[in-house]
Amino acid sequence: MTSELSPSRRGLLIGAAQLAAAFELWRPSIAAETLPKMTVTRDPNCGCCGNWVEHVKAAGFPVEVVEVADVTPLKLKLGVPDALASCHTAEIGGYVLEGHVPADAIKRLLAEKPKVTGLAVAGMPVGSPGMEVPGQAPDTYDVVVFSAGRQNVFARYRGAQPI
């Protein structure tokens, strides 16, 4: 005699709910362990910098903000090329972030760990994280990976979406 194991609908729902609850309890602790603290240096009068900080915080990054009147000396010290300079500079996990770099690109950088100085989004593209303008189509822009004397496209985005 063979018997078939046939779970009830109620049993399946309870099991699915328990699995979902366990995942939710597990996920935040993993995120907190894997995302290092980011230090963002910015001009206190720049609104878009504050918007970008909110973007990376919403993505799970712990952030410390340092406000200074002139970020240029830090950019020079950290090796940010003039052509890639933007309105704020961040440091995370031994890397430099310049400008409105999407959180997904930062997470990829930290996961892949390339031997580079960092990532940059030159200028302030409309629609990039922190530069959203209601009613205006987002720009397409490059996230550039850079080191001394070297720059390459790391990712391409339209607004906050990779393309």
N, C-alpha and C. Protein backbone atom coordinates (compact mmCIF):
# COMPACT_ATOMS: atom_id res chain seq x y z
N MET A 1 0.84 -1.17 0.00
CA MET A 1 0.00 0.00 0.00
C MET A 1 0.90 1.25 0.00
N THR A 2 0.64 2.15 -0.90
CA THR A 2 1.41 3.38 -0.95
C THR A 2 0.55 4.51 -0.41
N SER A 3 1.21 5.40 0.27
CA SER A 3 0.47 6.57 0.76
C SER A 3 1.10 7.82 0.17
N GLU A 4 0.26 8.73 -0.26
CA GLU A 4 0.72 9.98 -0.82
C GLU A 4 0.71 11.04 0.25
N LEU A 5 1.78 11.80 0.29
CA LEU A 5 1.83 12.91 1.23
C LEU A 5 1.22 14.10 0.52
N SER A 6 0.12 14.56 1.00
CA SER A 6 -0.60 15.66 0.38
C SER A 6 -0.85 16.74 1.42
N PRO A 7 -0.03 17.79 1.38
CA PRO A 7 -0.21 18.84 2.37
C PRO A 7 -1.51 19.60 2.13
N SER A 8 -2.09 20.04 3.22
CA SER A 8 -3.33 20.81 3.10
C SER A 8 -2.99 22.25 2.70
N ARG A 9 -3.97 22.94 2.19
CA ARG A 9 -3.80 24.35 1.82
C ARG A 9 -3.41 25.15 3.06
N ARG A 10 -4.04 24.87 4.19
CA ARG A 10 -3.74 25.58 5.44
C ARG A 10 -2.30 25.34 5.86
N GLY A 11 -1.86 24.08 5.75
CA GLY A 11 -0.48 23.75 6.11
C GLY A 11 0.52 24.48 5.22
N LEU A 12 0.24 24.56 3.94
CA LEU A 12 1.12 25.28 3.02
C LEU A 12 1.19 26.76 3.35
N LEU A 13 0.05 27.36 3.64
CA LEU A 13 0.02 28.79 3.98
C LEU A 13 0.79 29.07 5.26
N ILE A 14 0.62 28.23 6.26
CA ILE A 14 1.35 28.41 7.51
C ILE A 14 2.85 28.27 7.28
N GLY A 15 3.24 27.28 6.51
CA GLY A 15 4.66 27.09 6.21
C GLY A 15 5.24 28.27 5.45
N ALA A 16 4.51 28.78 4.48
CA ALA A 16 4.97 29.93 3.71
C ALA A 16 5.11 31.16 4.59
N ALA A 17 4.17 31.36 5.49
CA ALA A 17 4.22 32.51 6.40
C ALA A 17 5.42 32.40 7.34
N GLN A 18 5.69 31.19 7.82
CA GLN A 18 6.84 30.99 8.71
C GLN A 18 8.15 31.24 7.97
N LEU A 19 8.23 30.79 6.74
CA LEU A 19 9.43 31.01 5.93
C LEU A 19 9.65 32.50 5.67
N ALA A 20 8.58 33.21 5.33
CA ALA A 20 8.68 34.65 5.08
C ALA A 20 9.13 35.39 6.34
N ALA A 21 8.57 35.03 7.49
CA ALA A 21 8.94 35.68 8.75
C ALA A 21 10.40 35.41 9.09
N ALA A 22 10.84 34.19 8.88
CA ALA A 22 12.24 33.85 9.16
C ALA A 22 13.18 34.64 8.26
N PHE A 23 12.82 34.78 6.99
CA PHE A 23 13.66 35.54 6.06
C PHE A 23 13.74 37.00 6.48
N GLU A 24 12.64 37.60 6.88
CA GLU A 24 12.63 39.00 7.30
C GLU A 24 13.49 39.21 8.54
N LEU A 25 13.49 38.28 9.46
CA LEU A 25 14.32 38.40 10.65
C LEU A 25 15.79 38.24 10.31
N TRP A 26 16.10 37.40 9.35
CA TRP A 26 17.47 37.11 8.97
C TRP A 26 18.07 38.21 8.11
N ARG A 27 17.31 38.76 7.17
CA ARG A 27 17.81 39.70 6.17
C ARG A 27 18.43 40.97 6.74
N PRO A 28 17.81 41.71 7.67
CA PRO A 28 18.42 42.94 8.15
C PRO A 28 19.76 42.71 8.83
N SER A 29 19.92 41.61 9.57
CA SER A 29 21.19 41.38 10.24
C SER A 29 22.29 41.11 9.23
N ILE A 30 21.98 40.43 8.14
CA ILE A 30 22.98 40.20 7.10
C ILE A 30 23.35 41.51 6.43
N ALA A 31 22.36 42.34 6.11
CA ALA A 31 22.63 43.62 5.46
C ALA A 31 23.52 44.49 6.33
N ALA A 32 23.25 44.52 7.63
CA ALA A 32 24.04 45.34 8.53
C ALA A 32 25.47 44.84 8.61
N GLU A 33 25.66 43.54 8.48
CA GLU A 33 27.01 42.98 8.55
C GLU A 33 27.80 43.22 7.28
N THR A 34 27.15 43.29 6.13
CA THR A 34 27.88 43.33 4.88
C THR A 34 28.10 44.73 4.33
N LEU A 35 27.36 45.72 4.78
CA LEU A 35 27.53 47.08 4.26
C LEU A 35 28.34 47.92 5.24
N PRO A 36 29.55 48.30 4.83
CA PRO A 36 30.39 49.10 5.73
C PRO A 36 29.87 50.54 5.83
N LYS A 37 30.33 51.23 6.84
CA LYS A 37 29.94 52.62 7.05
C LYS A 37 30.52 53.50 5.94
N MET A 38 29.71 54.43 5.49
CA MET A 38 30.10 55.38 4.46
C MET A 38 30.27 56.75 5.12
N THR A 39 31.34 57.45 4.78
CA THR A 39 31.54 58.82 5.24
C THR A 39 31.38 59.73 4.04
N VAL A 40 30.42 60.64 4.10
CA VAL A 40 30.13 61.55 3.00
C VAL A 40 30.57 62.95 3.41
N THR A 41 31.42 63.55 2.60
CA THR A 41 31.86 64.93 2.83
C THR A 41 31.17 65.80 1.81
N ARG A 42 30.48 66.83 2.31
CA ARG A 42 29.66 67.66 1.43
C ARG A 42 29.59 69.10 1.93
N ASP A 43 29.17 69.96 1.03
CA ASP A 43 28.89 71.35 1.36
C ASP A 43 27.53 71.39 2.06
N PRO A 44 27.42 72.04 3.21
CA PRO A 44 26.13 72.05 3.92
C PRO A 44 25.01 72.76 3.17
N ASN A 45 25.35 73.55 2.16
CA ASN A 45 24.34 74.30 1.42
C ASN A 45 23.83 73.58 0.18
N CYS A 46 24.28 72.36 -0.05
CA CYS A 46 23.90 71.62 -1.25
C CYS A 46 22.74 70.68 -0.94
N GLY A 47 21.58 70.95 -1.51
CA GLY A 47 20.41 70.11 -1.27
C GLY A 47 20.48 68.76 -1.93
N CYS A 48 21.04 68.69 -3.14
CA CYS A 48 21.09 67.41 -3.83
C CYS A 48 22.00 66.42 -3.12
N CYS A 49 23.01 66.92 -2.43
CA CYS A 49 23.89 66.02 -1.66
C CYS A 49 23.09 65.33 -0.55
N GLY A 50 22.25 66.09 0.12
CA GLY A 50 21.40 65.52 1.15
C GLY A 50 20.44 64.49 0.59
N ASN A 51 19.93 64.75 -0.61
CA ASN A 51 19.04 63.78 -1.26
C ASN A 51 19.78 62.50 -1.59
N TRP A 52 21.04 62.61 -2.04
CA TRP A 52 21.84 61.42 -2.35
C TRP A 52 22.11 60.62 -1.07
N VAL A 53 22.41 61.32 0.02
CA VAL A 53 22.64 60.64 1.30
C VAL A 53 21.39 59.85 1.69
N GLU A 54 20.22 60.41 1.50
CA GLU A 54 18.98 59.69 1.81
C GLU A 54 18.84 58.45 0.91
N HIS A 55 19.26 58.56 -0.35
CA HIS A 55 19.22 57.42 -1.28
C HIS A 55 20.08 56.26 -0.76
N VAL A 56 21.32 56.55 -0.35
CA VAL A 56 22.19 55.46 0.10
C VAL A 56 21.76 54.91 1.46
N LYS A 57 21.21 55.78 2.31
CA LYS A 57 20.66 55.29 3.59
C LYS A 57 19.49 54.35 3.35
N ALA A 58 18.62 54.72 2.41
CA ALA A 58 17.46 53.87 2.09
C ALA A 58 17.90 52.52 1.54
N ALA A 59 19.09 52.47 0.94
CA ALA A 59 19.63 51.22 0.40
C ALA A 59 20.33 50.40 1.49
N GLY A 60 20.36 50.91 2.71
CA GLY A 60 20.91 50.13 3.82
C GLY A 60 22.30 50.52 4.29
N PHE A 61 22.89 51.54 3.68
CA PHE A 61 24.23 51.95 4.10
C PHE A 61 24.18 52.80 5.37
N PRO A 62 25.01 52.47 6.36
CA PRO A 62 25.15 53.40 7.49
C PRO A 62 26.02 54.57 7.02
N VAL A 63 25.58 55.79 7.30
CA VAL A 63 26.24 56.97 6.74
C VAL A 63 26.58 57.98 7.83
N GLU A 64 27.80 58.49 7.77
CA GLU A 64 28.23 59.63 8.58
C GLU A 64 28.44 60.79 7.62
N VAL A 65 27.88 61.94 7.91
CA VAL A 65 28.00 63.11 7.05
C VAL A 65 28.94 64.11 7.70
N VAL A 66 29.92 64.59 6.92
CA VAL A 66 30.84 65.63 7.36
C VAL A 66 30.59 66.83 6.45
N GLU A 67 30.27 67.96 7.05
CA GLU A 67 29.99 69.16 6.27
C GLU A 67 31.18 70.11 6.34
N VAL A 68 31.65 70.51 5.14
CA VAL A 68 32.76 71.46 5.03
C VAL A 68 32.42 72.47 3.94
N ALA A 69 33.02 73.65 4.05
CA ALA A 69 32.75 74.70 3.07
C ALA A 69 33.37 74.38 1.71
N ASP A 70 34.50 73.67 1.71
CA ASP A 70 35.21 73.37 0.45
C ASP A 70 35.66 71.91 0.46
N VAL A 71 35.08 71.11 -0.44
CA VAL A 71 35.41 69.69 -0.52
C VAL A 71 36.63 69.44 -1.41
N THR A 72 37.08 70.45 -2.15
CA THR A 72 38.17 70.30 -3.12
C THR A 72 39.44 69.70 -2.52
N PRO A 73 39.93 70.16 -1.36
CA PRO A 73 41.16 69.55 -0.81
C PRO A 73 41.03 68.04 -0.59
N LEU A 74 39.86 67.58 -0.15
CA LEU A 74 39.65 66.14 0.05
C LEU A 74 39.69 65.41 -1.29
N LYS A 75 39.06 65.98 -2.31
CA LYS A 75 39.05 65.36 -3.64
C LYS A 75 40.49 65.18 -4.14
N LEU A 76 41.31 66.20 -3.97
CA LEU A 76 42.72 66.13 -4.39
C LEU A 76 43.46 65.05 -3.61
N LYS A 77 43.27 65.02 -2.30
CA LYS A 77 43.94 64.04 -1.43
C LYS A 77 43.57 62.61 -1.82
N LEU A 78 42.29 62.40 -2.19
CA LEU A 78 41.81 61.05 -2.49
C LEU A 78 42.02 60.64 -3.95
N GLY A 79 42.51 61.56 -4.79
CA GLY A 79 42.82 61.21 -6.17
C GLY A 79 41.64 61.26 -7.13
N VAL A 80 40.65 62.10 -6.84
CA VAL A 80 39.51 62.23 -7.76
C VAL A 80 39.95 63.09 -8.95
N PRO A 81 39.88 62.55 -10.17
CA PRO A 81 40.27 63.33 -11.35
C PRO A 81 39.34 64.54 -11.53
N ASP A 82 39.92 65.67 -11.97
CA ASP A 82 39.13 66.89 -12.17
C ASP A 82 37.92 66.66 -13.06
N ALA A 83 38.07 65.86 -14.11
CA ALA A 83 37.00 65.63 -15.06
C ALA A 83 35.82 64.86 -14.44
N LEU A 84 36.05 64.20 -13.31
CA LEU A 84 35.00 63.42 -12.67
C LEU A 84 34.42 64.10 -11.42
N ALA A 85 34.93 65.29 -11.10
CA ALA A 85 34.51 65.97 -9.89
C ALA A 85 33.02 66.30 -9.94
N SER A 86 32.40 66.19 -8.77
CA SER A 86 30.99 66.50 -8.62
C SER A 86 30.81 67.27 -7.31
N CYS A 87 29.64 67.20 -6.73
CA CYS A 87 29.33 68.05 -5.58
C CYS A 87 29.65 67.45 -4.22
N HIS A 88 29.82 66.14 -4.12
CA HIS A 88 30.15 65.53 -2.82
C HIS A 88 31.07 64.34 -3.05
N THR A 89 31.79 63.99 -2.00
CA THR A 89 32.75 62.89 -2.05
C THR A 89 32.48 61.98 -0.86
N ALA A 90 32.49 60.68 -1.12
CA ALA A 90 32.26 59.71 -0.04
C ALA A 90 33.40 58.70 -0.02
N GLU A 91 33.59 58.12 1.16
CA GLU A 91 34.58 57.06 1.34
C GLU A 91 33.87 55.86 1.97
N ILE A 92 34.18 54.68 1.40
CA ILE A 92 33.55 53.46 1.92
C ILE A 92 34.43 52.25 1.57
N GLY A 93 34.72 51.43 2.53
CA GLY A 93 35.43 50.17 2.30
C GLY A 93 36.74 50.33 1.54
N GLY A 94 37.44 51.44 1.75
CA GLY A 94 38.71 51.67 1.05
C GLY A 94 38.53 52.28 -0.34
N TYR A 95 37.32 52.61 -0.73
CA TYR A 95 37.04 53.21 -2.04
C TYR A 95 36.54 54.65 -1.88
N VAL A 96 36.66 55.39 -2.98
CA VAL A 96 36.17 56.76 -3.07
C VAL A 96 34.95 56.76 -3.98
N LEU A 97 33.92 57.49 -3.58
CA LEU A 97 32.73 57.67 -4.41
C LEU A 97 32.60 59.16 -4.68
N GLU A 98 32.45 59.52 -5.93
CA GLU A 98 32.34 60.92 -6.30
C GLU A 98 31.02 61.16 -7.01
N GLY A 99 30.21 62.04 -6.43
CA GLY A 99 28.96 62.41 -7.07
C GLY A 99 27.82 61.45 -6.81
N HIS A 100 26.85 61.48 -7.72
CA HIS A 100 25.56 60.79 -7.54
C HIS A 100 25.59 59.33 -8.01
N VAL A 101 26.47 58.54 -7.42
CA VAL A 101 26.63 57.13 -7.75
C VAL A 101 25.44 56.34 -7.18
N PRO A 102 24.74 55.56 -8.02
CA PRO A 102 23.62 54.75 -7.51
C PRO A 102 24.08 53.70 -6.49
N ALA A 103 23.24 53.45 -5.51
CA ALA A 103 23.56 52.49 -4.45
C ALA A 103 23.86 51.10 -5.01
N ASP A 104 23.16 50.69 -6.07
CA ASP A 104 23.41 49.37 -6.66
C ASP A 104 24.83 49.26 -7.19
N ALA A 105 25.33 50.34 -7.78
CA ALA A 105 26.71 50.33 -8.30
C ALA A 105 27.71 50.24 -7.15
N ILE A 106 27.40 50.90 -6.04
CA ILE A 106 28.28 50.84 -4.86
C ILE A 106 28.31 49.42 -4.31
N LYS A 107 27.16 48.79 -4.22
CA LYS A 107 27.11 47.41 -3.73
C LYS A 107 27.89 46.47 -4.65
N ARG A 108 27.79 46.68 -5.94
CA ARG A 108 28.55 45.85 -6.89
C ARG A 108 30.05 46.06 -6.69
N LEU A 109 30.48 47.31 -6.53
CA LEU A 109 31.89 47.61 -6.29
C LEU A 109 32.39 46.88 -5.06
N LEU A 110 31.62 46.95 -3.98
CA LEU A 110 32.03 46.31 -2.73
C LEU A 110 32.05 44.79 -2.84
N ALA A 111 31.17 44.23 -3.66
CA ALA A 111 31.14 42.77 -3.84
C ALA A 111 32.28 42.29 -4.72
N GLU A 112 32.58 43.03 -5.79
CA GLU A 112 33.63 42.61 -6.73
C GLU A 112 35.03 42.94 -6.26
N LYS A 113 35.18 43.99 -5.46
CA LYS A 113 36.47 44.41 -4.89
C LYS A 113 37.59 44.58 -5.94
N PRO A 114 37.36 45.37 -6.99
CA PRO A 114 38.44 45.58 -7.96
C PRO A 114 39.54 46.46 -7.36
N LYS A 115 40.73 46.38 -7.92
CA LYS A 115 41.85 47.19 -7.45
C LYS A 115 41.79 48.55 -8.16
N VAL A 116 40.93 49.42 -7.65
CA VAL A 116 40.71 50.75 -8.21
C VAL A 116 40.59 51.75 -7.07
N THR A 117 40.60 53.03 -7.44
CA THR A 117 40.41 54.08 -6.43
C THR A 117 38.94 54.20 -6.06
N GLY A 118 38.06 54.19 -7.09
CA GLY A 118 36.65 54.31 -6.77
C GLY A 118 35.75 54.49 -7.97
N LEU A 119 34.54 54.97 -7.68
CA LEU A 119 33.51 55.19 -8.69
C LEU A 119 33.12 56.66 -8.71
N ALA A 120 32.70 57.14 -9.89
CA ALA A 120 32.26 58.53 -10.00
C ALA A 120 31.14 58.65 -11.02
N VAL A 121 30.27 59.61 -10.77
CA VAL A 121 29.30 60.08 -11.76
C VAL A 121 29.62 61.55 -11.92
N ALA A 122 30.19 61.89 -13.06
CA ALA A 122 30.61 63.27 -13.31
C ALA A 122 29.40 64.19 -13.43
N GLY A 123 29.56 65.40 -12.93
CA GLY A 123 28.48 66.37 -13.02
C GLY A 123 27.31 65.98 -12.15
N MET A 124 26.15 66.39 -12.57
CA MET A 124 24.94 66.14 -11.79
C MET A 124 23.81 65.77 -12.75
N PRO A 125 23.85 64.54 -13.33
CA PRO A 125 22.84 64.15 -14.31
C PRO A 125 21.42 64.15 -13.75
N VAL A 126 20.50 64.71 -14.49
CA VAL A 126 19.10 64.73 -14.08
C VAL A 126 18.60 63.29 -13.96
N GLY A 127 17.96 62.99 -12.85
CA GLY A 127 17.41 61.66 -12.62
C GLY A 127 18.35 60.73 -11.89
N SER A 128 19.63 61.10 -11.77
CA SER A 128 20.53 60.26 -10.97
C SER A 128 20.09 60.39 -9.52
N PRO A 129 20.45 59.43 -8.66
CA PRO A 129 20.00 59.48 -7.26
C PRO A 129 20.35 60.82 -6.60
N GLY A 130 19.32 61.48 -6.11
CA GLY A 130 19.49 62.79 -5.49
C GLY A 130 19.24 63.95 -6.44
N MET A 131 19.16 63.66 -7.74
CA MET A 131 18.96 64.69 -8.76
C MET A 131 17.65 64.50 -9.52
N GLU A 132 16.69 63.85 -8.90
CA GLU A 132 15.40 63.62 -9.55
C GLU A 132 14.66 64.95 -9.71
N VAL A 133 14.08 65.17 -10.89
CA VAL A 133 13.31 66.38 -11.17
C VAL A 133 11.95 65.95 -11.68
N PRO A 134 10.90 66.15 -10.87
CA PRO A 134 9.56 65.74 -11.30
C PRO A 134 9.18 66.34 -12.66
N GLY A 135 8.65 65.48 -13.52
CA GLY A 135 8.21 65.93 -14.83
C GLY A 135 9.31 66.01 -15.87
N GLN A 136 10.56 65.74 -15.49
CA GLN A 136 11.67 65.81 -16.43
C GLN A 136 12.25 64.40 -16.63
N ALA A 137 12.44 64.03 -17.90
CA ALA A 137 12.98 62.71 -18.21
C ALA A 137 14.41 62.59 -17.67
N PRO A 138 14.75 61.43 -17.11
CA PRO A 138 16.10 61.25 -16.58
C PRO A 138 17.14 61.14 -17.70
N ASP A 139 18.33 61.63 -17.41
CA ASP A 139 19.46 61.51 -18.34
C ASP A 139 20.00 60.09 -18.32
N THR A 140 20.69 59.73 -19.38
CA THR A 140 21.50 58.52 -19.42
C THR A 140 22.92 58.95 -19.06
N TYR A 141 23.57 58.20 -18.18
CA TYR A 141 24.91 58.60 -17.73
C TYR A 141 25.73 57.36 -17.39
N ASP A 142 27.05 57.57 -17.34
CA ASP A 142 27.98 56.50 -17.01
C ASP A 142 28.42 56.62 -15.55
N VAL A 143 28.56 55.47 -14.92
CA VAL A 143 29.25 55.37 -13.65
C VAL A 143 30.66 54.92 -14.04
N VAL A 144 31.63 55.74 -13.70
CA VAL A 144 33.01 55.51 -14.13
C VAL A 144 33.81 54.94 -12.97
N VAL A 145 34.59 53.90 -13.26
CA VAL A 145 35.53 53.37 -12.29
C VAL A 145 36.87 54.03 -12.61
N PHE A 146 37.57 54.50 -11.56
CA PHE A 146 38.82 55.23 -11.82
C PHE A 146 39.93 54.82 -10.87
N SER A 147 41.14 54.99 -11.38
CA SER A 147 42.38 54.84 -10.64
C SER A 147 43.33 55.88 -11.20
N ALA A 148 44.51 55.96 -10.65
CA ALA A 148 45.49 56.93 -11.15
C ALA A 148 45.74 56.69 -12.64
N GLY A 149 45.40 57.68 -13.46
CA GLY A 149 45.65 57.60 -14.89
C GLY A 149 44.73 56.67 -15.67
N ARG A 150 43.68 56.13 -15.05
CA ARG A 150 42.81 55.18 -15.74
C ARG A 150 41.35 55.43 -15.39
N GLN A 151 40.51 55.42 -16.43
CA GLN A 151 39.07 55.57 -16.24
C GLN A 151 38.36 54.66 -17.23
N ASN A 152 37.37 53.92 -16.75
CA ASN A 152 36.57 53.04 -17.60
C ASN A 152 35.12 53.12 -17.17
N VAL A 153 34.23 52.78 -18.08
CA VAL A 153 32.81 52.71 -17.73
C VAL A 153 32.58 51.46 -16.90
N PHE A 154 32.00 51.63 -15.74
CA PHE A 154 31.68 50.55 -14.81
C PHE A 154 30.24 50.09 -15.03
N ALA A 155 29.36 51.06 -15.28
CA ALA A 155 27.93 50.78 -15.52
C ALA A 155 27.31 51.98 -16.21
N ARG A 156 26.19 51.73 -16.85
CA ARG A 156 25.44 52.80 -17.51
C ARG A 156 24.03 52.80 -16.92
N TYR A 157 23.54 54.00 -16.64
CA TYR A 157 22.22 54.15 -16.02
C TYR A 157 21.38 55.17 -16.77
N ARG A 158 20.08 55.01 -16.65
CA ARG A 158 19.11 56.04 -17.01
C ARG A 158 18.35 56.28 -15.73
N GLY A 159 18.53 57.48 -15.14
CA GLY A 159 17.97 57.73 -13.82
C GLY A 159 18.62 56.78 -12.83
N ALA A 160 17.83 56.09 -12.04
CA ALA A 160 18.38 55.15 -11.05
C ALA A 160 18.39 53.71 -11.58
N GLN A 161 18.05 53.52 -12.86
CA GLN A 161 17.94 52.17 -13.42
C GLN A 161 19.14 51.83 -14.30
N PRO A 162 19.79 50.69 -14.05
CA PRO A 162 20.87 50.26 -14.94
C PRO A 162 20.32 49.92 -16.32
N ILE A 163 21.12 50.23 -17.34
CA ILE A 163 20.71 49.86 -18.71
C ILE A 163 21.81 49.07 -19.39
